[in-house]
mmCIF file of all heavy atoms, coordinates in Angstrom:
data_MODEL
# 
_entry.id   MODEL 
# 
loop_
_atom_site.group_PDB 
_atom_site.id 
_atom_site.type_symbol 
_atom_site.label_atom_id 
_atom_site.label_alt_id 
_atom_site.label_comp_id 
_atom_site.label_asym_id 
_atom_site.label_entity_id 
_atom_site.label_seq_id 
_atom_site.pdbx_PDB_ins_code 
_atom_site.Cartn_x 
_atom_site.Cartn_y 
_atom_site.Cartn_z 
_atom_site.occupancy 
_atom_site.B_iso_or_equiv 
_atom_site.pdbx_formal_charge 
_atom_site.auth_seq_id 
_atom_site.auth_comp_id 
_atom_site.auth_asym_id 
_atom_site.auth_atom_id 
_atom_site.pdbx_PDB_model_num 
ATOM 1   N N   . CYS A 1 1  ? 96.765 216.266 98.179  1.00 0.00 ? 1  CYS A N   1 
ATOM 2   C CA  . CYS A 1 1  ? 96.556 215.596 99.460  1.00 0.00 ? 1  CYS A CA  1 
ATOM 3   C C   . CYS A 1 1  ? 95.311 216.214 100.086 1.00 0.00 ? 1  CYS A C   1 
ATOM 4   O O   . CYS A 1 1  ? 94.863 217.251 99.709  1.00 0.00 ? 1  CYS A O   1 
ATOM 5   C CB  . CYS A 1 1  ? 97.782 215.725 100.366 1.00 0.00 ? 1  CYS A CB  1 
ATOM 6   S SG  . CYS A 1 1  ? 98.273 217.423 100.692 1.00 0.00 ? 1  CYS A SG  1 
ATOM 7   N N   . LYS A 1 2  ? 94.770 215.469 101.053 1.00 0.00 ? 2  LYS A N   1 
ATOM 8   C CA  . LYS A 1 2  ? 93.585 215.994 101.743 1.00 0.00 ? 2  LYS A CA  1 
ATOM 9   C C   . LYS A 1 2  ? 93.477 215.349 103.123 1.00 0.00 ? 2  LYS A C   1 
ATOM 10  O O   . LYS A 1 2  ? 94.127 214.365 103.415 1.00 0.00 ? 2  LYS A O   1 
ATOM 11  C CB  . LYS A 1 2  ? 92.331 215.749 100.939 1.00 0.00 ? 2  LYS A CB  1 
ATOM 12  C CG  . LYS A 1 2  ? 91.920 214.293 100.828 1.00 0.00 ? 2  LYS A CG  1 
ATOM 13  C CD  . LYS A 1 2  ? 90.629 214.171 100.052 1.00 0.00 ? 2  LYS A CD  1 
ATOM 14  C CE  . LYS A 1 2  ? 90.136 212.710 100.022 1.00 0.00 ? 2  LYS A CE  1 
ATOM 15  N NZ  . LYS A 1 2  ? 88.819 212.599 99.414  1.00 0.00 ? 2  LYS A NZ  1 
ATOM 16  N N   . TRP A 1 3  ? 92.618 215.936 103.935 1.00 0.00 ? 3  TRP A N   1 
ATOM 17  C CA  . TRP A 1 3  ? 92.319 215.422 105.255 1.00 0.00 ? 3  TRP A CA  1 
ATOM 18  C C   . TRP A 1 3  ? 90.996 214.671 105.148 1.00 0.00 ? 3  TRP A C   1 
ATOM 19  O O   . TRP A 1 3  ? 90.036 215.179 104.576 1.00 0.00 ? 3  TRP A O   1 
ATOM 20  C CB  . TRP A 1 3  ? 92.208 216.553 106.293 1.00 0.00 ? 3  TRP A CB  1 
ATOM 21  C CG  . TRP A 1 3  ? 93.510 217.162 106.585 1.00 0.00 ? 3  TRP A CG  1 
ATOM 22  C CD1 . TRP A 1 3  ? 94.027 218.301 106.062 1.00 0.00 ? 3  TRP A CD1 1 
ATOM 23  C CD2 . TRP A 1 3  ? 94.508 216.680 107.492 1.00 0.00 ? 3  TRP A CD2 1 
ATOM 24  N NE1 . TRP A 1 3  ? 95.263 218.577 106.581 1.00 0.00 ? 3  TRP A NE1 1 
ATOM 25  C CE2 . TRP A 1 3  ? 95.569 217.582 107.464 1.00 0.00 ? 3  TRP A CE2 1 
ATOM 26  C CE3 . TRP A 1 3  ? 94.579 215.559 108.327 1.00 0.00 ? 3  TRP A CE3 1 
ATOM 27  C CZ2 . TRP A 1 3  ? 96.738 217.391 108.261 1.00 0.00 ? 3  TRP A CZ2 1 
ATOM 28  C CZ3 . TRP A 1 3  ? 95.699 215.400 109.088 1.00 0.00 ? 3  TRP A CZ3 1 
ATOM 29  C CH2 . TRP A 1 3  ? 96.767 216.284 109.045 1.00 0.00 ? 3  TRP A CH2 1 
ATOM 30  N N   . VAL A 1 4  ? 90.940 213.492 105.736 1.00 0.00 ? 4  VAL A N   1 
ATOM 31  C CA  . VAL A 1 4  ? 89.674 212.714 105.783 1.00 0.00 ? 4  VAL A CA  1 
ATOM 32  C C   . VAL A 1 4  ? 89.270 212.675 107.229 1.00 0.00 ? 4  VAL A C   1 
ATOM 33  O O   . VAL A 1 4  ? 90.048 212.310 108.113 1.00 0.00 ? 4  VAL A O   1 
ATOM 34  C CB  . VAL A 1 4  ? 89.899 211.282 105.260 1.00 0.00 ? 4  VAL A CB  1 
ATOM 35  C CG1 . VAL A 1 4  ? 88.636 210.482 105.392 1.00 0.00 ? 4  VAL A CG1 1 
ATOM 36  C CG2 . VAL A 1 4  ? 90.373 211.328 103.805 1.00 0.00 ? 4  VAL A CG2 1 
ATOM 37  N N   . PHE A 1 5  ? 88.040 213.063 107.524 1.00 0.00 ? 5  PHE A N   1 
ATOM 38  C CA  . PHE A 1 5  ? 87.521 213.145 108.892 1.00 0.00 ? 5  PHE A CA  1 
ATOM 39  C C   . PHE A 1 5  ? 86.508 212.070 109.157 1.00 0.00 ? 5  PHE A C   1 
ATOM 40  O O   . PHE A 1 5  ? 85.683 211.769 108.304 1.00 0.00 ? 5  PHE A O   1 
ATOM 41  C CB  . PHE A 1 5  ? 86.920 214.539 109.164 1.00 0.00 ? 5  PHE A CB  1 
ATOM 42  C CG  . PHE A 1 5  ? 87.861 215.681 108.940 1.00 0.00 ? 5  PHE A CG  1 
ATOM 43  C CD1 . PHE A 1 5  ? 87.822 216.419 107.787 1.00 0.00 ? 5  PHE A CD1 1 
ATOM 44  C CD2 . PHE A 1 5  ? 88.817 215.959 109.893 1.00 0.00 ? 5  PHE A CD2 1 
ATOM 45  C CE1 . PHE A 1 5  ? 88.729 217.466 107.577 1.00 0.00 ? 5  PHE A CE1 1 
ATOM 46  C CE2 . PHE A 1 5  ? 89.718 216.991 109.697 1.00 0.00 ? 5  PHE A CE2 1 
ATOM 47  C CZ  . PHE A 1 5  ? 89.691 217.738 108.533 1.00 0.00 ? 5  PHE A CZ  1 
ATOM 48  N N   . ARG A 1 6  ? 86.565 211.528 110.366 1.00 0.00 ? 6  ARG A N   1 
ATOM 49  C CA  . ARG A 1 6  ? 85.626 210.480 110.786 1.00 0.00 ? 6  ARG A CA  1 
ATOM 50  C C   . ARG A 1 6  ? 85.199 210.732 112.206 1.00 0.00 ? 6  ARG A C   1 
ATOM 51  O O   . ARG A 1 6  ? 85.981 211.250 112.996 1.00 0.00 ? 6  ARG A O   1 
ATOM 52  C CB  . ARG A 1 6  ? 86.301 209.136 110.753 1.00 0.00 ? 6  ARG A CB  1 
ATOM 53  C CG  . ARG A 1 6  ? 86.303 208.486 109.407 1.00 0.00 ? 6  ARG A CG  1 
ATOM 54  C CD  . ARG A 1 6  ? 86.367 206.990 109.622 1.00 0.00 ? 6  ARG A CD  1 
ATOM 55  N NE  . ARG A 1 6  ? 85.866 206.377 108.413 1.00 0.00 ? 6  ARG A NE  1 
ATOM 56  C CZ  . ARG A 1 6  ? 86.416 205.317 107.889 1.00 0.00 ? 6  ARG A CZ  1 
ATOM 57  N NH1 . ARG A 1 6  ? 87.412 204.728 108.494 1.00 0.00 ? 6  ARG A NH1 1 
ATOM 58  N NH2 . ARG A 1 6  ? 85.915 204.842 106.791 1.00 0.00 ? 6  ARG A NH2 1 
ATOM 59  N N   . ILE A 1 7  ? 83.991 210.289 112.508 1.00 0.00 ? 7  ILE A N   1 
ATOM 60  C CA  . ILE A 1 7  ? 83.516 210.320 113.877 1.00 0.00 ? 7  ILE A CA  1 
ATOM 61  C C   . ILE A 1 7  ? 83.469 208.852 114.347 1.00 0.00 ? 7  ILE A C   1 
ATOM 62  O O   . ILE A 1 7  ? 82.800 208.038 113.748 1.00 0.00 ? 7  ILE A O   1 
ATOM 63  C CB  . ILE A 1 7  ? 82.107 210.957 113.994 1.00 0.00 ? 7  ILE A CB  1 
ATOM 64  C CG1 . ILE A 1 7  ? 82.152 212.408 113.498 1.00 0.00 ? 7  ILE A CG1 1 
ATOM 65  C CG2 . ILE A 1 7  ? 81.602 210.865 115.420 1.00 0.00 ? 7  ILE A CG2 1 
ATOM 66  C CD1 . ILE A 1 7  ? 80.795 213.054 113.417 1.00 0.00 ? 7  ILE A CD1 1 
ATOM 67  N N   . LYS A 1 8  ? 84.229 208.538 115.358 1.00 0.00 ? 8  LYS A N   1 
ATOM 68  C CA  . LYS A 1 8  ? 84.259 207.210 115.952 1.00 0.00 ? 8  LYS A CA  1 
ATOM 69  C C   . LYS A 1 8  ? 83.216 207.141 117.033 1.00 0.00 ? 8  LYS A C   1 
ATOM 70  O O   . LYS A 1 8  ? 83.108 208.049 117.889 1.00 0.00 ? 8  LYS A O   1 
ATOM 71  C CB  . LYS A 1 8  ? 85.625 206.876 116.527 1.00 0.00 ? 8  LYS A CB  1 
ATOM 72  C CG  . LYS A 1 8  ? 86.740 206.811 115.465 1.00 0.00 ? 8  LYS A CG  1 
ATOM 73  C CD  . LYS A 1 8  ? 86.493 205.581 114.629 1.00 0.00 ? 8  LYS A CD  1 
ATOM 74  C CE  . LYS A 1 8  ? 87.707 205.294 113.715 1.00 0.00 ? 8  LYS A CE  1 
ATOM 75  N NZ  . LYS A 1 8  ? 87.616 204.076 113.066 1.00 0.00 ? 8  LYS A NZ  1 
ATOM 76  N N   . HIS A 1 9  ? 82.406 206.059 117.035 1.00 0.00 ? 9  HIS A N   1 
ATOM 77  C CA  . HIS A 1 9  ? 81.313 205.913 118.017 1.00 0.00 ? 9  HIS A CA  1 
ATOM 78  C C   . HIS A 1 9  ? 81.557 204.736 118.946 1.00 0.00 ? 9  HIS A C   1 
ATOM 79  O O   . HIS A 1 9  ? 82.226 203.759 118.555 1.00 0.00 ? 9  HIS A O   1 
ATOM 80  C CB  . HIS A 1 9  ? 80.013 205.690 117.276 1.00 0.00 ? 9  HIS A CB  1 
ATOM 81  C CG  . HIS A 1 9  ? 79.538 206.869 116.500 1.00 0.00 ? 9  HIS A CG  1 
ATOM 82  N ND1 . HIS A 1 9  ? 79.880 207.033 115.181 1.00 0.00 ? 9  HIS A ND1 1 
ATOM 83  C CD2 . HIS A 1 9  ? 78.771 207.909 116.838 1.00 0.00 ? 9  HIS A CD2 1 
ATOM 84  C CE1 . HIS A 1 9  ? 79.309 208.174 114.759 1.00 0.00 ? 9  HIS A CE1 1 
ATOM 85  N NE2 . HIS A 1 9  ? 78.635 208.721 115.736 1.00 0.00 ? 9  HIS A NE2 1 
ATOM 86  N N   . HIS A 1 10 ? 81.019 204.838 120.135 1.00 0.00 ? 10 HIS A N   1 
ATOM 87  C CA  . HIS A 1 10 ? 80.981 203.742 121.067 1.00 0.00 ? 10 HIS A CA  1 
ATOM 88  C C   . HIS A 1 10 ? 79.882 202.767 120.609 1.00 0.00 ? 10 HIS A C   1 
ATOM 89  O O   . HIS A 1 10 ? 79.048 203.144 119.788 1.00 0.00 ? 10 HIS A O   1 
ATOM 90  C CB  . HIS A 1 10 ? 80.621 204.240 122.473 1.00 0.00 ? 10 HIS A CB  1 
ATOM 91  C CG  . HIS A 1 10 ? 81.709 205.058 123.142 1.00 0.00 ? 10 HIS A CG  1 
ATOM 92  N ND1 . HIS A 1 10 ? 82.866 204.516 123.583 1.00 0.00 ? 10 HIS A ND1 1 
ATOM 93  C CD2 . HIS A 1 10 ? 81.776 206.377 123.387 1.00 0.00 ? 10 HIS A CD2 1 
ATOM 94  C CE1 . HIS A 1 10 ? 83.624 205.433 124.110 1.00 0.00 ? 10 HIS A CE1 1 
ATOM 95  N NE2 . HIS A 1 10 ? 82.986 206.592 123.990 1.00 0.00 ? 10 HIS A NE2 1 
ATOM 96  N N   . PRO A 1 11 ? 79.878 201.554 121.116 1.00 0.00 ? 11 PRO A N   1 
ATOM 97  C CA  . PRO A 1 11 ? 78.798 200.601 120.740 1.00 0.00 ? 11 PRO A CA  1 
ATOM 98  C C   . PRO A 1 11 ? 77.395 201.118 120.985 1.00 0.00 ? 11 PRO A C   1 
ATOM 99  O O   . PRO A 1 11 ? 76.457 200.714 120.289 1.00 0.00 ? 11 PRO A O   1 
ATOM 100 C CB  . PRO A 1 11 ? 79.083 199.340 121.583 1.00 0.00 ? 11 PRO A CB  1 
ATOM 101 C CG  . PRO A 1 11 ? 80.534 199.451 121.865 1.00 0.00 ? 11 PRO A CG  1 
ATOM 102 C CD  . PRO A 1 11 ? 80.864 200.900 121.978 1.00 0.00 ? 11 PRO A CD  1 
ATOM 103 N N   . ASP A 1 12 ? 77.232 202.014 121.944 1.00 0.00 ? 12 ASP A N   1 
ATOM 104 C CA  . ASP A 1 12 ? 75.897 202.564 122.212 1.00 0.00 ? 12 ASP A CA  1 
ATOM 105 C C   . ASP A 1 12 ? 75.575 203.788 121.383 1.00 0.00 ? 12 ASP A C   1 
ATOM 106 O O   . ASP A 1 12 ? 74.635 204.523 121.637 1.00 0.00 ? 12 ASP A O   1 
ATOM 107 C CB  . ASP A 1 12 ? 75.738 202.890 123.702 1.00 0.00 ? 12 ASP A CB  1 
ATOM 108 C CG  . ASP A 1 12 ? 76.669 204.019 124.156 1.00 0.00 ? 12 ASP A CG  1 
ATOM 109 O OD1 . ASP A 1 12 ? 77.484 204.485 123.346 1.00 0.00 ? 12 ASP A OD1 1 
ATOM 110 O OD2 . ASP A 1 12 ? 76.564 204.399 125.307 1.00 0.00 ? 12 ASP A OD2 1 
ATOM 111 N N   . SER A 1 13 ? 76.376 204.059 120.345 1.00 0.00 ? 13 SER A N   1 
ATOM 112 C CA  . SER A 1 13 ? 76.187 205.142 119.357 1.00 0.00 ? 13 SER A CA  1 
ATOM 113 C C   . SER A 1 13 ? 76.589 206.525 119.887 1.00 0.00 ? 13 SER A C   1 
ATOM 114 O O   . SER A 1 13 ? 76.419 207.533 119.159 1.00 0.00 ? 13 SER A O   1 
ATOM 115 C CB  . SER A 1 13 ? 74.753 205.229 118.845 1.00 0.00 ? 13 SER A CB  1 
ATOM 116 O OG  . SER A 1 13 ? 74.433 203.995 118.173 1.00 0.00 ? 13 SER A OG  1 
ATOM 117 N N   . THR A 1 14 ? 77.098 206.618 121.085 1.00 0.00 ? 14 THR A N   1 
ATOM 118 C CA  . THR A 1 14 ? 77.596 207.927 121.550 1.00 0.00 ? 14 THR A CA  1 
ATOM 119 C C   . THR A 1 14 ? 78.957 208.178 120.916 1.00 0.00 ? 14 THR A C   1 
ATOM 120 O O   . THR A 1 14 ? 79.651 207.245 120.500 1.00 0.00 ? 14 THR A O   1 
ATOM 121 C CB  . THR A 1 14 ? 77.718 207.988 123.076 1.00 0.00 ? 14 THR A CB  1 
ATOM 122 O OG1 . THR A 1 14 ? 78.609 206.963 123.531 1.00 0.00 ? 14 THR A OG1 1 
ATOM 123 C CG2 . THR A 1 14 ? 76.391 207.830 123.746 1.00 0.00 ? 14 THR A CG2 1 
ATOM 124 N N   . ILE A 1 15 ? 79.343 209.443 120.787 1.00 0.00 ? 15 ILE A N   1 
ATOM 125 C CA  . ILE A 1 15 ? 80.580 209.792 120.142 1.00 0.00 ? 15 ILE A CA  1 
ATOM 126 C C   . ILE A 1 15 ? 81.763 209.472 121.032 1.00 0.00 ? 15 ILE A C   1 
ATOM 127 O O   . ILE A 1 15 ? 81.826 209.873 122.182 1.00 0.00 ? 15 ILE A O   1 
ATOM 128 C CB  . ILE A 1 15 ? 80.596 211.274 119.758 1.00 0.00 ? 15 ILE A CB  1 
ATOM 129 C CG1 . ILE A 1 15 ? 79.533 211.533 118.682 1.00 0.00 ? 15 ILE A CG1 1 
ATOM 130 C CG2 . ILE A 1 15 ? 81.981 211.699 119.246 1.00 0.00 ? 15 ILE A CG2 1 
ATOM 131 C CD1 . ILE A 1 15 ? 79.349 212.972 118.275 1.00 0.00 ? 15 ILE A CD1 1 
ATOM 132 N N   . ASP A 1 16 ? 82.717 208.711 120.492 1.00 0.00 ? 16 ASP A N   1 
ATOM 133 C CA  . ASP A 1 16 ? 83.951 208.338 121.177 1.00 0.00 ? 16 ASP A CA  1 
ATOM 134 C C   . ASP A 1 16 ? 84.990 209.408 120.970 1.00 0.00 ? 16 ASP A C   1 
ATOM 135 O O   . ASP A 1 16 ? 85.573 210.006 121.884 1.00 0.00 ? 16 ASP A O   1 
ATOM 136 C CB  . ASP A 1 16 ? 84.432 206.995 120.697 1.00 0.00 ? 16 ASP A CB  1 
ATOM 137 C CG  . ASP A 1 16 ? 85.781 206.587 121.307 1.00 0.00 ? 16 ASP A CG  1 
ATOM 138 O OD1 . ASP A 1 16 ? 86.082 207.068 122.383 1.00 0.00 ? 16 ASP A OD1 1 
ATOM 139 O OD2 . ASP A 1 16 ? 86.480 205.742 120.697 1.00 0.00 ? 16 ASP A OD2 1 
ATOM 140 N N   . ARG A 1 17 ? 85.264 209.736 119.687 1.00 0.00 ? 17 ARG A N   1 
ATOM 141 C CA  . ARG A 1 17 ? 86.260 210.740 119.351 1.00 0.00 ? 17 ARG A CA  1 
ATOM 142 C C   . ARG A 1 17 ? 86.111 211.142 117.888 1.00 0.00 ? 17 ARG A C   1 
ATOM 143 O O   . ARG A 1 17 ? 85.476 210.469 117.122 1.00 0.00 ? 17 ARG A O   1 
ATOM 144 C CB  . ARG A 1 17 ? 87.646 210.205 119.640 1.00 0.00 ? 17 ARG A CB  1 
ATOM 145 C CG  . ARG A 1 17 ? 88.037 209.026 118.804 1.00 0.00 ? 17 ARG A CG  1 
ATOM 146 C CD  . ARG A 1 17 ? 89.360 208.431 119.257 1.00 0.00 ? 17 ARG A CD  1 
ATOM 147 N NE  . ARG A 1 17 ? 89.526 207.087 118.819 1.00 0.00 ? 17 ARG A NE  1 
ATOM 148 C CZ  . ARG A 1 17 ? 90.311 206.706 117.830 1.00 0.00 ? 17 ARG A CZ  1 
ATOM 149 N NH1 . ARG A 1 17 ? 91.083 207.572 117.240 1.00 0.00 ? 17 ARG A NH1 1 
ATOM 150 N NH2 . ARG A 1 17 ? 90.380 205.432 117.469 1.00 0.00 ? 17 ARG A NH2 1 
ATOM 151 N N   . PHE A 1 18 ? 86.769 212.254 117.591 1.00 0.00 ? 18 PHE A N   1 
ATOM 152 C CA  . PHE A 1 18 ? 86.845 212.722 116.225 1.00 0.00 ? 18 PHE A CA  1 
ATOM 153 C C   . PHE A 1 18 ? 88.230 212.345 115.686 1.00 0.00 ? 18 PHE A C   1 
ATOM 154 O O   . PHE A 1 18 ? 89.210 212.553 116.365 1.00 0.00 ? 18 PHE A O   1 
ATOM 155 C CB  . PHE A 1 18 ? 86.629 214.226 116.148 1.00 0.00 ? 18 PHE A CB  1 
ATOM 156 C CG  . PHE A 1 18 ? 85.268 214.643 116.602 1.00 0.00 ? 18 PHE A CG  1 
ATOM 157 C CD1 . PHE A 1 18 ? 85.079 215.097 117.906 1.00 0.00 ? 18 PHE A CD1 1 
ATOM 158 C CD2 . PHE A 1 18 ? 84.154 214.567 115.743 1.00 0.00 ? 18 PHE A CD2 1 
ATOM 159 C CE1 . PHE A 1 18 ? 83.816 215.472 118.359 1.00 0.00 ? 18 PHE A CE1 1 
ATOM 160 C CE2 . PHE A 1 18 ? 82.929 214.966 116.198 1.00 0.00 ? 18 PHE A CE2 1 
ATOM 161 C CZ  . PHE A 1 18 ? 82.736 215.384 117.525 1.00 0.00 ? 18 PHE A CZ  1 
ATOM 162 N N   . LYS A 1 19 ? 88.270 211.785 114.461 1.00 0.00 ? 19 LYS A N   1 
ATOM 163 C CA  . LYS A 1 19 ? 89.554 211.320 113.936 1.00 0.00 ? 19 LYS A CA  1 
ATOM 164 C C   . LYS A 1 19 ? 89.819 211.972 112.624 1.00 0.00 ? 19 LYS A C   1 
ATOM 165 O O   . LYS A 1 19 ? 88.915 212.113 111.783 1.00 0.00 ? 19 LYS A O   1 
ATOM 166 C CB  . LYS A 1 19 ? 89.501 209.788 113.801 1.00 0.00 ? 19 LYS A CB  1 
ATOM 167 C CG  . LYS A 1 19 ? 90.789 209.187 113.362 1.00 0.00 ? 19 LYS A CG  1 
ATOM 168 C CD  . LYS A 1 19 ? 90.704 207.661 113.333 1.00 0.00 ? 19 LYS A CD  1 
ATOM 169 C CE  . LYS A 1 19 ? 92.044 207.091 112.955 1.00 0.00 ? 19 LYS A CE  1 
ATOM 170 N NZ  . LYS A 1 19 ? 92.003 205.638 112.890 1.00 0.00 ? 19 LYS A NZ  1 
ATOM 171 N N   . ALA A 1 20 ? 91.085 212.399 112.432 1.00 0.00 ? 20 ALA A N   1 
ATOM 172 C CA  . ALA A 1 20 ? 91.537 212.984 111.168 1.00 0.00 ? 20 ALA A CA  1 
ATOM 173 C C   . ALA A 1 20 ? 92.609 212.095 110.605 1.00 0.00 ? 20 ALA A C   1 
ATOM 174 O O   . ALA A 1 20 ? 93.500 211.641 111.304 1.00 0.00 ? 20 ALA A O   1 
ATOM 175 C CB  . ALA A 1 20 ? 92.052 214.388 111.394 1.00 0.00 ? 20 ALA A CB  1 
ATOM 176 N N   . CYS A 1 21 ? 92.541 211.870 109.305 1.00 0.00 ? 21 CYS A N   1 
ATOM 177 C CA  . CYS A 1 21 ? 93.544 211.040 108.651 1.00 0.00 ? 21 CYS A CA  1 
ATOM 178 C C   . CYS A 1 21 ? 94.046 211.834 107.408 1.00 0.00 ? 21 CYS A C   1 
ATOM 179 O O   . CYS A 1 21 ? 93.266 212.353 106.653 1.00 0.00 ? 21 CYS A O   1 
ATOM 180 C CB  . CYS A 1 21 ? 92.940 209.731 108.220 1.00 0.00 ? 21 CYS A CB  1 
ATOM 181 S SG  . CYS A 1 21 ? 94.098 208.601 107.448 1.00 0.00 ? 21 CYS A SG  1 
ATOM 182 N N   . PHE A 1 22 ? 95.352 211.899 107.268 1.00 0.00 ? 22 PHE A N   1 
ATOM 183 C CA  . PHE A 1 22 ? 95.965 212.594 106.152 1.00 0.00 ? 22 PHE A CA  1 
ATOM 184 C C   . PHE A 1 22 ? 96.254 211.595 105.017 1.00 0.00 ? 22 PHE A C   1 
ATOM 185 O O   . PHE A 1 22 ? 96.890 210.596 105.263 1.00 0.00 ? 22 PHE A O   1 
ATOM 186 C CB  . PHE A 1 22 ? 97.238 213.268 106.627 1.00 0.00 ? 22 PHE A CB  1 
ATOM 187 C CG  . PHE A 1 22 ? 97.990 213.998 105.561 1.00 0.00 ? 22 PHE A CG  1 
ATOM 188 C CD1 . PHE A 1 22 ? 97.454 215.150 105.001 1.00 0.00 ? 22 PHE A CD1 1 
ATOM 189 C CD2 . PHE A 1 22 ? 99.158 213.517 105.093 1.00 0.00 ? 22 PHE A CD2 1 
ATOM 190 C CE1 . PHE A 1 22 ? 98.134 215.814 104.020 1.00 0.00 ? 22 PHE A CE1 1 
ATOM 191 C CE2 . PHE A 1 22 ? 99.837 214.169 104.082 1.00 0.00 ? 22 PHE A CE2 1 
ATOM 192 C CZ  . PHE A 1 22 ? 99.322 215.331 103.537 1.00 0.00 ? 22 PHE A CZ  1 
ATOM 193 N N   . VAL A 1 23 ? 95.780 211.897 103.829 1.00 0.00 ? 23 VAL A N   1 
ATOM 194 C CA  . VAL A 1 23 ? 95.989 210.952 102.683 1.00 0.00 ? 23 VAL A CA  1 
ATOM 195 C C   . VAL A 1 23 ? 96.464 211.697 101.471 1.00 0.00 ? 23 VAL A C   1 
ATOM 196 O O   . VAL A 1 23 ? 96.167 212.850 101.236 1.00 0.00 ? 23 VAL A O   1 
ATOM 197 C CB  . VAL A 1 23 ? 94.707 210.171 102.348 1.00 0.00 ? 23 VAL A CB  1 
ATOM 198 C CG1 . VAL A 1 23 ? 94.278 209.300 103.490 1.00 0.00 ? 23 VAL A CG1 1 
ATOM 199 C CG2 . VAL A 1 23 ? 93.585 211.092 101.957 1.00 0.00 ? 23 VAL A CG2 1 
ATOM 200 N N   . ALA A 1 24 ? 97.280 210.995 100.679 1.00 0.00 ? 24 ALA A N   1 
ATOM 201 C CA  . ALA A 1 24 ? 97.723 211.553 99.411  1.00 0.00 ? 24 ALA A CA  1 
ATOM 202 C C   . ALA A 1 24 ? 96.688 211.131 98.343  1.00 0.00 ? 24 ALA A C   1 
ATOM 203 O O   . ALA A 1 24 ? 96.095 210.069 98.429  1.00 0.00 ? 24 ALA A O   1 
ATOM 204 C CB  . ALA A 1 24 ? 99.091 210.967 99.006  1.00 0.00 ? 24 ALA A CB  1 
ATOM 205 N N   . LYS A 1 25 ? 96.452 212.023 97.387  1.00 0.00 ? 25 LYS A N   1 
ATOM 206 C CA  . LYS A 1 25 ? 95.494 211.729 96.322  1.00 0.00 ? 25 LYS A CA  1 
ATOM 207 C C   . LYS A 1 25 ? 96.230 211.054 95.151  1.00 0.00 ? 25 LYS A C   1 
ATOM 208 O O   . LYS A 1 25 ? 96.551 211.653 94.158  1.00 0.00 ? 25 LYS A O   1 
ATOM 209 C CB  . LYS A 1 25 ? 94.856 213.038 95.826  1.00 0.00 ? 25 LYS A CB  1 
ATOM 210 C CG  . LYS A 1 25 ? 94.011 213.766 96.846  1.00 0.00 ? 25 LYS A CG  1 
ATOM 211 C CD  . LYS A 1 25 ? 93.484 215.005 96.174  1.00 0.00 ? 25 LYS A CD  1 
ATOM 212 C CE  . LYS A 1 25 ? 92.646 215.834 97.113  1.00 0.00 ? 25 LYS A CE  1 
ATOM 213 N NZ  . LYS A 1 25 ? 92.163 217.063 96.477  1.00 0.00 ? 25 LYS A NZ  1 
# 
């Protein structure tokens, strides 16, 4: 398993939030 990280952005390209998702391999 692993953690997948993403940066979510607002329409103006500023950072909205950091998101972590846990997935099975």
